[in-house]
């Protein structure tokens, strides 16, 4: 891809001198296809995504972001927004257009007295944990430490502390947003409250979030890890899990995971056989954690268990090895309101037919503090779901892509009758109809109206897109 030309959305070539002016006005860096770093820079976490932007703009500050937005708007250039680049749909990069990359914007300030953290949008979860852990404080985040803070927050933020302290977006106090018109707005309960409502679950539809202020919580060590069982006991384990989470305290967040092989960091100690794991994170006292988690080791004989008291930041990165960059990923997501026997049997049966040995099925237990927030308070929907289920299809060989995608779609369609919607951060190529499944009808109509207000021309279209209301 040595082509140097920038083509706008109408197919016309953008004058080269304008690109030079952009490069000269950016404090960060502007990469073109002929630059040595370009090929590495165009790649994102999901190996399925293979796109060739004409410009990659690394922004160092908010002024760079505004300059990039103004350039893209004035020249009708398609713009993708990248912070962590971990989104499975690959919306952080595009063909022919511009990538506005925030990954250099990594400022973070911990306000210990007010238990808040001011965070720039280029941080990933592990970097934010590193900044807060010395204070014995934490922001409720996700489950893989390389995930970008910005995308996680804008889509909701399901993670290990959610049942005690809520979603990531529930802990958002304010966000600085650059609109499609190049304006800087503060979104909070007091300033632009409608925008604040929309960015807590509505994704990147309304502007570029350049910084966030989050509430912090006293989390230092947790009782966490996992218990592994043979897959031939998956039905029994899931039925036990259903009853176990029914009475779980809010301090405990869990995830059941069906996998074809043990976690990468345990393979040397285990046979490579299919299994089911129950991952746990208890953020209360160690003594309470031990008592609450004991049934996981005693209701049947596990293959292996590794539950212990550990620093929260260490637990936050435990699943990183299972989500390396470069694998081919295609996911589907569904909120389920119950785990009845029919659904459990369907999950186990479909998993046995998964084409790839790397594929997993996750069931993350919600409720607790997630459902304590009223549905109308944020754009995030489906707060009363029991679990979010994620079909995590991943493989290595591109020749296997069609087979894996067909299986994933068929599985997702089979569980549709049991689902109340989808989690926007776990969506792949859903399209407009699929994006609607992430929200209640009332929420979606409100989001479309706010899209018309803040982005009437759908400038921010490379996301799980909500089109402006007519």
Protein backbone atom coordinates (compact mmCIF):
# COMPACT_ATOMS: atom_id res chain seq x y z
CA UNK A 1 0.00 0.00 0.00
CA UNK A 2 2.38 2.70 -1.15
CA UNK A 3 -0.45 4.90 -2.46
CA UNK A 4 -0.01 8.38 -0.97
CA UNK A 5 -3.36 9.85 -1.95
CA UNK A 6 -6.10 10.69 0.55
CA UNK A 7 -9.54 9.92 -0.81
CA UNK A 8 -12.65 11.43 0.77
CA UNK A 9 -16.02 9.75 1.24
CA UNK A 10 -17.16 10.86 -2.20
CA UNK A 11 -14.16 9.26 -3.88
CA UNK A 12 -12.39 12.54 -4.62
CA UNK A 13 -8.69 13.06 -3.91
CA UNK A 14 -7.83 15.48 -1.10
CA UNK A 15 -5.11 17.96 -2.09
CA UNK A 16 -1.71 16.86 -0.90
CA UNK A 17 -0.78 20.28 0.47
CA UNK A 18 -3.67 20.00 2.93
CA UNK A 19 -2.16 16.81 4.34
CA UNK A 20 1.18 18.60 4.72
CA UNK A 21 -0.56 21.44 6.54
CA UNK A 22 -2.18 18.92 8.87
CA UNK A 23 1.17 17.29 9.60
CA UNK A 24 2.71 20.67 10.40
CA UNK A 25 -0.13 21.65 12.73
CA UNK A 26 -0.19 18.45 14.83
CA UNK A 27 1.92 18.24 17.97
CA UNK A 28 1.88 14.47 17.73
CA UNK A 29 2.71 12.44 14.64
CA UNK A 30 1.01 11.87 11.30
CA UNK A 31 1.70 8.60 9.47
CA UNK A 32 1.06 7.92 5.79
CA UNK A 33 1.13 4.58 3.92
CA UNK A 34 4.71 5.12 2.74
CA UNK A 35 6.05 5.66 6.30
CA UNK A 36 8.09 2.85 7.85
CA UNK A 37 5.91 2.57 10.97
CA UNK A 38 2.64 2.56 9.03
CA UNK A 39 2.05 -1.17 8.68
CA UNK A 40 2.42 -1.82 12.41
CA UNK A 41 0.38 1.28 13.25
CA UNK A 42 -2.63 0.27 11.14
CA UNK A 43 -3.11 -3.00 13.02
CA UNK A 44 -5.47 -3.44 15.94
CA UNK A 45 -5.94 -6.20 18.52
CA UNK A 46 -8.30 -8.33 16.41
CA UNK A 47 -6.31 -10.09 13.70
CA UNK A 48 -9.40 -10.28 11.48
CA UNK A 49 -9.20 -6.55 10.85
CA UNK A 50 -6.98 -5.70 7.87
CA UNK A 51 -7.59 -2.09 6.84
CA UNK A 52 -5.50 0.61 5.22
CA UNK A 53 -6.20 4.19 6.32
CA UNK A 54 -4.69 7.08 4.36
CA UNK A 55 -3.74 8.94 7.53
CA UNK A 56 -2.99 7.89 11.10
CA UNK A 57 -2.91 10.92 13.38
CA UNK A 58 -1.31 10.37 16.79
CA UNK A 59 -2.69 13.15 18.99
CA UNK A 60 -0.71 14.43 21.98
CA UNK A 61 -3.42 16.63 23.45
CA UNK A 62 -6.96 17.90 23.03
CA UNK A 63 -5.83 20.58 20.56
CA UNK A 64 -4.50 17.87 18.24
CA UNK A 65 -7.83 16.05 18.43
CA UNK A 66 -9.73 19.21 17.50
CA UNK A 67 -7.34 19.85 14.60
CA UNK A 68 -7.80 16.29 13.30
CA UNK A 69 -11.60 16.48 13.60
CA UNK A 70 -11.70 19.82 11.79
CA UNK A 71 -9.50 18.45 8.98
CA UNK A 72 -11.66 15.36 8.52
CA UNK A 73 -14.90 17.34 8.57
CA UNK A 74 -13.67 20.08 6.20
CA UNK A 75 -12.40 17.52 3.69
CA UNK A 76 -15.19 14.95 4.10
CA UNK A 77 -12.69 12.29 5.19
CA UNK A 78 -13.96 9.19 6.98
CA UNK A 79 -12.66 9.22 10.58
CA UNK A 80 -12.08 6.27 12.91
CA UNK A 81 -11.29 6.87 16.59
CA UNK A 82 -8.73 4.69 18.38
CA UNK A 83 -7.74 4.66 22.03
CA UNK A 84 -6.94 1.08 23.09
CA UNK A 85 -7.83 -0.52 19.75
CA UNK A 86 -9.17 -3.55 21.64
CA UNK A 87 -12.73 -3.40 20.29
CA UNK A 88 -13.53 -6.72 18.61
CA UNK A 89 -15.43 -5.06 15.75
CA UNK A 90 -12.30 -3.23 14.65
CA UNK A 91 -14.01 0.15 14.39
CA UNK A 92 -10.78 1.88 15.44
CA UNK A 93 -9.37 1.69 11.91
CA UNK A 94 -10.78 2.18 8.41
CA UNK A 95 -9.89 1.93 4.73
CA UNK A 96 -8.85 5.13 2.92
CA UNK A 97 -9.83 7.55 5.67
CA UNK A 98 -8.20 8.83 8.85
CA UNK A 99 -7.48 7.20 12.21
CA UNK A 100 -7.55 9.70 15.07
CA UNK A 101 -5.36 7.89 17.58
CA UNK A 102 -5.41 8.88 21.27
CA UNK A 103 -2.91 6.30 22.52
CA UNK A 104 -0.25 8.93 23.33
CA UNK A 105 -2.65 10.71 25.69
CA UNK A 106 -1.83 8.84 28.89
CA UNK A 107 -2.05 11.46 31.61
CA UNK A 108 -3.57 10.36 34.92
CA UNK A 109 -3.92 12.17 38.25
CA UNK A 110 -5.19 10.56 41.44
CA UNK A 111 -7.08 12.91 43.76
CA UNK A 112 -6.74 10.89 46.95
CA UNK A 113 -8.70 13.20 49.23
CA UNK A 114 -11.74 13.28 46.97
CA UNK A 115 -11.31 9.65 45.85
CA UNK A 116 -11.32 10.51 42.18
CA UNK A 117 -9.01 9.99 39.22
CA UNK A 118 -8.59 12.26 36.20
CA UNK A 119 -7.69 10.09 33.22
CA UNK A 120 -6.78 10.80 29.60
CA UNK A 121 -8.33 8.64 26.91
CA UNK A 122 -5.17 6.84 25.76
CA UNK A 123 -4.82 4.81 28.96
CA UNK A 124 -5.44 1.08 29.05
CA UNK A 125 -6.83 -0.61 32.15
CA UNK A 126 -3.50 -1.87 33.46
CA UNK A 127 -2.03 1.62 33.29
CA UNK A 128 -4.89 3.09 35.28
CA UNK A 129 -4.59 0.29 37.86
CA UNK A 130 -0.86 1.04 38.14
CA UNK A 131 -1.63 4.68 38.95
CA UNK A 132 -4.26 3.98 41.62
CA UNK A 133 -2.93 0.86 43.34
CA UNK A 134 -0.35 2.66 45.51
CA UNK A 135 -3.29 4.50 47.13
CA UNK A 136 -5.19 1.25 47.78
CA UNK A 137 -7.90 2.53 45.43
CA UNK A 138 -9.41 1.33 42.15
CA UNK A 139 -11.83 2.25 39.40
CA UNK A 140 -14.19 -0.61 38.48
CA UNK A 141 -12.88 -1.68 35.08
CA UNK A 142 -13.04 -4.70 32.75
CA UNK A 143 -11.38 -8.13 32.70
CA UNK A 144 -8.35 -7.74 30.37
CA UNK A 145 -5.74 -5.17 31.32
CA UNK A 146 -4.86 -4.17 27.73
CA UNK A 147 -8.40 -2.92 27.06
CA UNK A 148 -8.71 0.83 26.46
CA UNK A 149 -10.34 2.81 29.27
CA UNK A 150 -12.23 5.04 26.82
CA UNK A 151 -14.04 2.40 24.79
CA UNK A 152 -14.82 0.32 27.87
CA UNK A 153 -16.39 3.30 29.63
CA UNK A 154 -18.41 4.60 26.70
CA UNK A 155 -19.99 1.19 26.14
CA UNK A 156 -20.74 0.54 29.81
CA UNK A 157 -17.85 -1.32 31.42
CA UNK A 158 -18.62 -4.83 32.65
CA UNK A 159 -15.87 -6.12 34.94
CA UNK A 160 -14.66 -7.72 38.15
CA UNK A 161 -15.87 -5.08 40.60
CA UNK A 162 -19.25 -4.36 39.03
CA UNK A 163 -21.49 -6.18 41.49
CA UNK A 164 -20.09 -4.18 44.40
CA UNK A 165 -19.32 -0.82 42.78
CA UNK A 166 -21.22 -0.80 39.49
CA UNK A 167 -20.17 -0.54 35.87
CA UNK A 168 -17.28 1.65 34.78
CA UNK A 169 -19.77 4.17 33.38
CA UNK A 170 -21.60 4.24 36.73
CA UNK A 171 -18.39 5.57 38.26
CA UNK A 172 -17.94 8.30 35.67
CA UNK A 173 -18.19 11.79 37.18
CA UNK A 174 -17.46 13.75 34.03
CA UNK A 175 -15.99 13.47 30.54
CA UNK A 176 -14.49 15.99 28.14
CA UNK A 177 -15.95 15.49 24.66
CA UNK A 178 -14.86 16.87 21.29
CA UNK A 179 -17.94 17.16 19.08
CA UNK A 180 -18.19 16.68 15.32
CA UNK A 181 -18.07 20.46 15.04
CA UNK A 182 -14.71 20.58 16.82
CA UNK A 183 -16.14 22.02 20.05
CA UNK A 184 -14.99 20.94 23.49
CA UNK A 185 -17.83 20.15 25.89
CA UNK A 186 -17.85 18.91 29.46
CA UNK A 187 -20.41 16.18 30.13
CA UNK A 188 -21.45 15.76 33.75
CA UNK A 189 -24.52 15.79 35.95
CA UNK A 190 -24.33 19.62 35.95
CA UNK A 191 -22.99 20.39 32.47
CA UNK A 192 -24.69 19.03 29.36
CA UNK A 193 -26.48 16.34 31.37
CA UNK A 194 -28.11 14.88 28.26
CA UNK A 195 -24.68 14.27 26.75
CA UNK A 196 -23.55 12.79 30.06
CA UNK A 197 -26.49 10.40 29.94
CA UNK A 198 -25.66 9.31 26.40
CA UNK A 199 -21.92 8.66 26.84
CA UNK A 200 -22.60 6.28 29.73
CA UNK A 201 -23.38 3.31 27.52
CA UNK A 202 -24.08 4.91 24.13
CA UNK A 203 -20.60 4.25 22.76
CA UNK A 204 -18.59 6.65 20.64
CA UNK A 205 -21.57 8.03 18.77
CA UNK A 206 -21.59 11.54 20.22
CA UNK A 207 -18.01 12.74 20.07
CA UNK A 208 -14.45 11.90 21.03
CA UNK A 209 -13.92 11.55 24.76
CA UNK A 210 -10.46 12.92 25.49
CA UNK A 211 -10.52 12.63 29.29
CA UNK A 212 -12.60 11.23 32.14
CA UNK A 213 -13.00 11.75 35.86
CA UNK A 214 -13.87 8.60 37.80
CA UNK A 215 -14.84 7.74 41.36
CA UNK A 216 -12.32 5.58 43.20
CA UNK A 217 -13.08 2.82 45.69
CA UNK A 218 -11.04 1.20 48.49
CA UNK A 219 -9.86 -1.98 46.75
CA UNK A 220 -6.35 -3.21 47.45
CA UNK A 221 -6.38 -7.03 47.63
CA UNK A 222 -9.09 -9.43 46.45
CA UNK A 223 -9.75 -13.14 46.85
CA UNK A 224 -9.66 -14.31 43.28
CA UNK A 225 -8.65 -16.87 40.71
CA UNK A 226 -10.49 -19.82 39.23
CA UNK A 227 -11.64 -23.38 39.73
CA UNK A 228 -11.42 -25.78 36.78
CA UNK A 229 -13.66 -28.80 36.15
CA UNK A 230 -13.76 -31.37 33.32
CA UNK A 231 -16.06 -30.40 30.47
CA UNK A 232 -18.07 -33.62 30.80
CA UNK A 233 -19.38 -32.11 34.04
CA UNK A 234 -20.32 -28.79 32.36
CA UNK A 235 -24.07 -29.31 32.75
CA UNK A 236 -23.68 -30.13 36.44
CA UNK A 237 -21.31 -27.21 36.99
CA UNK A 238 -23.60 -24.69 35.27
CA UNK A 239 -26.61 -25.89 37.28
CA UNK A 240 -24.59 -25.51 40.46
CA UNK A 241 -23.35 -22.12 39.25
CA UNK A 242 -26.95 -20.99 38.69
CA UNK A 243 -27.81 -21.78 42.31
CA UNK A 244 -24.49 -20.48 43.65
CA UNK A 245 -24.84 -16.99 42.17
CA UNK A 246 -28.44 -16.71 43.34
CA UNK A 247 -27.25 -16.04 46.90
CA UNK A 248 -23.83 -14.54 46.13
CA UNK A 249 -23.00 -11.36 48.06
CA UNK A 250 -22.39 -8.18 46.07
CA UNK A 251 -18.68 -8.37 46.94
CA UNK A 252 -18.43 -11.41 44.66
CA UNK A 253 -18.35 -11.20 40.86
CA UNK A 254 -17.98 -14.44 38.90
CA UNK A 255 -17.69 -15.73 35.36
CA UNK A 256 -18.28 -19.28 34.15
CA UNK A 257 -16.19 -20.11 31.07
CA UNK A 258 -16.30 -23.15 28.81
CA UNK A 259 -12.95 -23.71 27.09
CA UNK A 260 -11.40 -26.33 24.82
CA UNK A 261 -8.04 -26.15 26.59
CA UNK A 262 -6.77 -24.86 29.96
CA UNK A 263 -5.70 -21.23 30.32
CA UNK A 264 -2.33 -20.64 28.64
CA UNK A 265 -0.53 -19.96 31.90
CA UNK A 266 -1.64 -23.37 33.29
CA UNK A 267 -1.10 -25.62 30.29
CA UNK A 268 2.17 -27.08 31.62
CA UNK A 269 0.44 -28.35 34.71
CA UNK A 270 -2.68 -29.74 33.09
CA UNK A 271 -3.63 -32.05 30.28
CA UNK A 272 -4.92 -30.23 27.22
CA UNK A 273 -8.52 -31.30 27.61
CA UNK A 274 -11.78 -29.34 27.37
CA UNK A 275 -12.97 -27.91 30.65
CA UNK A 276 -15.21 -25.43 32.36
CA UNK A 277 -13.87 -22.80 34.72
CA UNK A 278 -15.50 -20.58 37.30
CA UNK A 279 -13.50 -17.35 37.62
CA UNK A 280 -14.03 -15.37 40.82
CA UNK A 281 -13.24 -11.99 42.35
CA UNK A 282 -14.30 -11.27 45.95
CA UNK A 283 -13.47 -7.73 47.07
CA UNK A 284 -14.54 -8.14 50.71
CA UNK A 285 -12.52 -9.49 53.61
CA UNK A 286 -10.34 -12.58 52.91
CA UNK A 287 -12.13 -14.55 55.61
CA UNK A 288 -15.53 -13.87 54.06
CA UNK A 289 -14.13 -14.65 50.63
CA UNK A 290 -12.87 -18.04 51.77
CA UNK A 291 -16.25 -18.96 53.26
CA UNK A 292 -18.24 -17.78 50.24
CA UNK A 293 -16.01 -19.55 47.71
CA UNK A 294 -15.54 -22.84 49.54
CA UNK A 295 -18.53 -24.57 47.83
CA UNK A 296 -16.82 -24.17 44.45
CA UNK A 297 -14.14 -26.62 45.62
CA UNK A 298 -16.43 -29.05 47.44
CA UNK A 299 -19.60 -29.58 45.39
CA UNK A 300 -17.59 -31.86 43.08
CA UNK A 301 -13.93 -32.72 42.59
CA UNK A 302 -12.21 -30.05 40.49
CA UNK A 303 -9.32 -30.63 38.10
CA UNK A 304 -7.45 -27.70 39.55
CA UNK A 305 -8.13 -24.70 41.73
CA UNK A 306 -6.13 -21.53 42.19
CA UNK A 307 -8.03 -19.19 44.47
CA UNK A 308 -5.96 -17.01 46.76
CA UNK A 309 -5.68 -13.51 48.15
CA UNK A 310 -3.82 -11.34 45.64
CA UNK A 311 -3.39 -7.67 44.73
CA UNK A 312 -6.33 -6.40 42.73
CA UNK A 313 -4.10 -5.25 39.87
CA UNK A 314 -2.67 -8.78 39.57
CA UNK A 315 -6.15 -10.28 39.36
CA UNK A 316 -7.07 -7.67 36.76
CA UNK A 317 -4.48 -9.09 34.36
CA UNK A 318 -5.04 -12.82 34.97
CA UNK A 319 -6.92 -13.33 31.70
CA UNK A 320 -4.50 -11.35 29.53
CA UNK A 321 -2.70 -14.49 28.32
CA UNK A 322 -5.95 -15.79 26.85
CA UNK A 323 -6.55 -12.62 24.83
CA UNK A 324 -3.31 -12.01 22.92
CA UNK A 325 -3.25 -9.56 19.99
CA UNK A 326 -3.28 -10.97 16.48
CA UNK A 327 -5.71 -13.87 16.83
CA UNK A 328 -8.76 -13.83 14.56
CA UNK A 329 -11.80 -12.97 16.68
CA UNK A 330 -15.53 -12.94 16.00
CA UNK A 331 -17.91 -12.50 18.93
CA UNK A 332 -21.61 -12.47 19.73
CA UNK A 333 -23.19 -11.35 22.96
CA UNK A 334 -26.51 -11.88 24.74
CA UNK A 335 -28.01 -10.81 28.06
CA UNK A 336 -29.90 -13.68 29.70
CA UNK A 337 -32.41 -13.23 32.49
CA UNK A 338 -32.20 -16.83 33.75
CA UNK A 339 -30.17 -19.99 33.31
CA UNK A 340 -32.85 -22.62 32.88
CA UNK A 341 -32.01 -26.23 32.03
CA UNK A 342 -32.89 -25.82 28.35
CA UNK A 343 -30.47 -22.93 27.90
CA UNK A 344 -27.72 -24.70 29.84
CA UNK A 345 -28.06 -27.79 27.67
CA UNK A 346 -28.04 -25.63 24.54
CA UNK A 347 -24.85 -23.87 25.64
CA UNK A 348 -23.02 -27.12 26.36
CA UNK A 349 -24.24 -28.81 23.18
CA UNK A 350 -23.23 -25.90 20.94
CA UNK A 351 -19.86 -25.54 22.60
CA UNK A 352 -19.01 -29.16 21.81
CA UNK A 353 -19.43 -28.25 18.13
CA UNK A 354 -17.18 -25.18 18.24
CA UNK A 355 -14.74 -25.40 15.30
CA UNK A 356 -11.74 -23.82 17.04
CA UNK A 357 -9.90 -25.13 20.11
CA UNK A 358 -9.34 -21.50 21.16
CA UNK A 359 -13.04 -20.60 21.34
CA UNK A 360 -14.65 -19.96 24.72
CA UNK A 361 -18.13 -19.23 26.09
CA UNK A 362 -18.34 -16.75 28.97
CA UNK A 363 -21.23 -16.19 31.39
CA UNK A 364 -20.59 -13.11 33.54
CA UNK A 365 -22.86 -12.70 36.54
CA UNK A 366 -24.37 -9.21 36.81
CA UNK A 367 -27.00 -7.69 39.13
CA UNK A 368 -25.85 -6.38 42.51
CA UNK A 369 -24.79 -2.75 42.09
CA UNK A 370 -25.41 -2.96 38.33
CA UNK A 371 -29.15 -3.41 38.78
CA UNK A 372 -29.25 -0.99 41.74
CA UNK A 373 -28.92 1.86 39.24
CA UNK A 374 -32.28 2.72 37.72
CA UNK A 375 -32.59 1.80 34.04
CA UNK A 376 -33.41 5.36 33.00
CA UNK A 377 -30.35 6.92 34.66
CA UNK A 378 -27.85 6.02 31.91
CA UNK A 379 -27.90 4.93 28.28
CA UNK A 380 -26.72 1.45 29.33
CA UNK A 381 -29.64 -0.96 29.11
CA UNK A 382 -30.47 -4.47 30.37
CA UNK A 383 -29.35 -3.77 33.94
CA UNK A 384 -31.63 -6.45 35.33
CA UNK A 385 -30.14 -9.29 33.31
CA UNK A 386 -28.79 -12.20 35.34
CA UNK A 387 -25.73 -12.67 33.12
CA UNK A 388 -24.13 -11.41 29.97
CA UNK A 389 -23.13 -14.31 27.75
CA UNK A 390 -20.30 -13.86 25.27
CA UNK A 391 -19.49 -16.28 22.45
CA UNK A 392 -15.75 -15.67 22.14
CA UNK A 393 -14.79 -17.29 18.85
CA UNK A 394 -11.08 -17.06 18.05
CA UNK A 395 -8.79 -18.95 15.70
CA UNK A 396 -5.46 -18.67 13.88
CA UNK A 397 -5.87 -19.73 10.25
CA UNK A 398 -7.73 -17.25 7.98
CA UNK A 399 -8.93 -20.23 5.93
CA UNK A 400 -11.05 -21.21 8.94
CA UNK A 401 -12.79 -17.83 9.18
CA UNK A 402 -15.98 -18.71 7.33
CA UNK A 403 -16.48 -21.89 9.33
CA UNK A 404 -16.04 -20.13 12.66
CA UNK A 405 -18.24 -17.18 11.75
CA UNK A 406 -21.06 -19.44 10.56
CA UNK A 407 -20.92 -21.44 13.79
CA UNK A 408 -20.92 -18.29 15.94
CA UNK A 409 -23.88 -16.76 14.12
CA UNK A 410 -25.89 -19.99 14.31
CA UNK A 411 -25.21 -20.31 18.04
CA UNK A 412 -26.21 -16.69 18.63
CA UNK A 413 -29.42 -17.18 16.68
CA UNK A 414 -30.26 -20.33 18.67
CA UNK A 415 -30.07 -18.50 22.01
CA UNK A 416 -31.98 -15.42 20.79
CA UNK A 417 -35.26 -16.59 22.43
CA UNK A 418 -33.47 -16.57 25.80
CA UNK A 419 -31.91 -13.14 25.34
CA UNK A 420 -33.07 -9.65 26.28
CA UNK A 421 -30.42 -7.89 24.17
CA UNK A 422 -26.68 -7.56 23.54
CA UNK A 423 -23.74 -5.82 25.21
CA UNK A 424 -22.51 -3.11 22.85
CA UNK A 425 -18.82 -3.61 23.74
CA UNK A 426 -18.95 -7.29 22.75
CA UNK A 427 -20.58 -6.78 19.36
CA UNK A 428 -18.92 -7.59 16.05
CA UNK A 429 -20.51 -6.67 12.71
CA UNK A 430 -24.04 -6.14 13.99
CA UNK A 431 -25.20 -3.31 11.75
CA UNK A 432 -27.98 -0.89 12.67
CA UNK A 433 -30.48 -3.58 13.64
CA UNK A 434 -27.93 -5.26 15.89
CA UNK A 435 -26.95 -2.03 17.58
CA UNK A 436 -30.57 -1.52 18.53
CA UNK A 437 -30.48 -4.80 20.44
CA UNK A 438 -28.10 -3.21 22.95
CA UNK A 439 -30.78 -0.76 24.11
CA UNK A 440 -34.40 -0.68 25.10
CA UNK A 441 -36.69 0.94 22.53
CA UNK A 442 -37.05 4.01 24.74
CA UNK A 443 -33.30 4.32 25.18
CA UNK A 444 -32.61 3.88 21.48
CA UNK A 445 -35.05 6.60 20.45
CA UNK A 446 -33.57 8.97 23.02
CA UNK A 447 -30.05 8.17 21.80
CA UNK A 448 -31.09 8.81 18.19
CA UNK A 449 -32.52 12.18 19.18
CA UNK A 450 -29.29 13.10 20.99
CA UNK A 451 -27.29 11.92 17.99
CA UNK A 452 -29.25 14.40 15.89
CA UNK A 453 -28.42 17.14 18.39
CA UNK A 454 -24.70 16.45 18.78
CA UNK A 455 -23.79 14.75 15.48
CA UNK A 456 -26.55 15.42 12.92
CA UNK A 457 -24.41 14.38 9.94
CA UNK A 458 -23.25 11.13 11.57
CA UNK A 459 -19.61 12.19 11.38
CA UNK A 460 -18.86 9.62 14.09
CA UNK A 461 -20.13 6.63 12.17
CA UNK A 462 -17.37 4.05 12.76
CA UNK A 463 -18.81 2.55 15.92
CA UNK A 464 -21.84 0.46 16.82
CA UNK A 465 -23.67 3.20 15.04
CA UNK A 466 -26.83 5.00 16.10
CA UNK A 467 -28.10 7.09 13.22
CA UNK A 468 -29.51 10.55 13.91
CA UNK A 469 -33.28 10.72 14.33
CA UNK A 470 -35.13 12.02 11.25
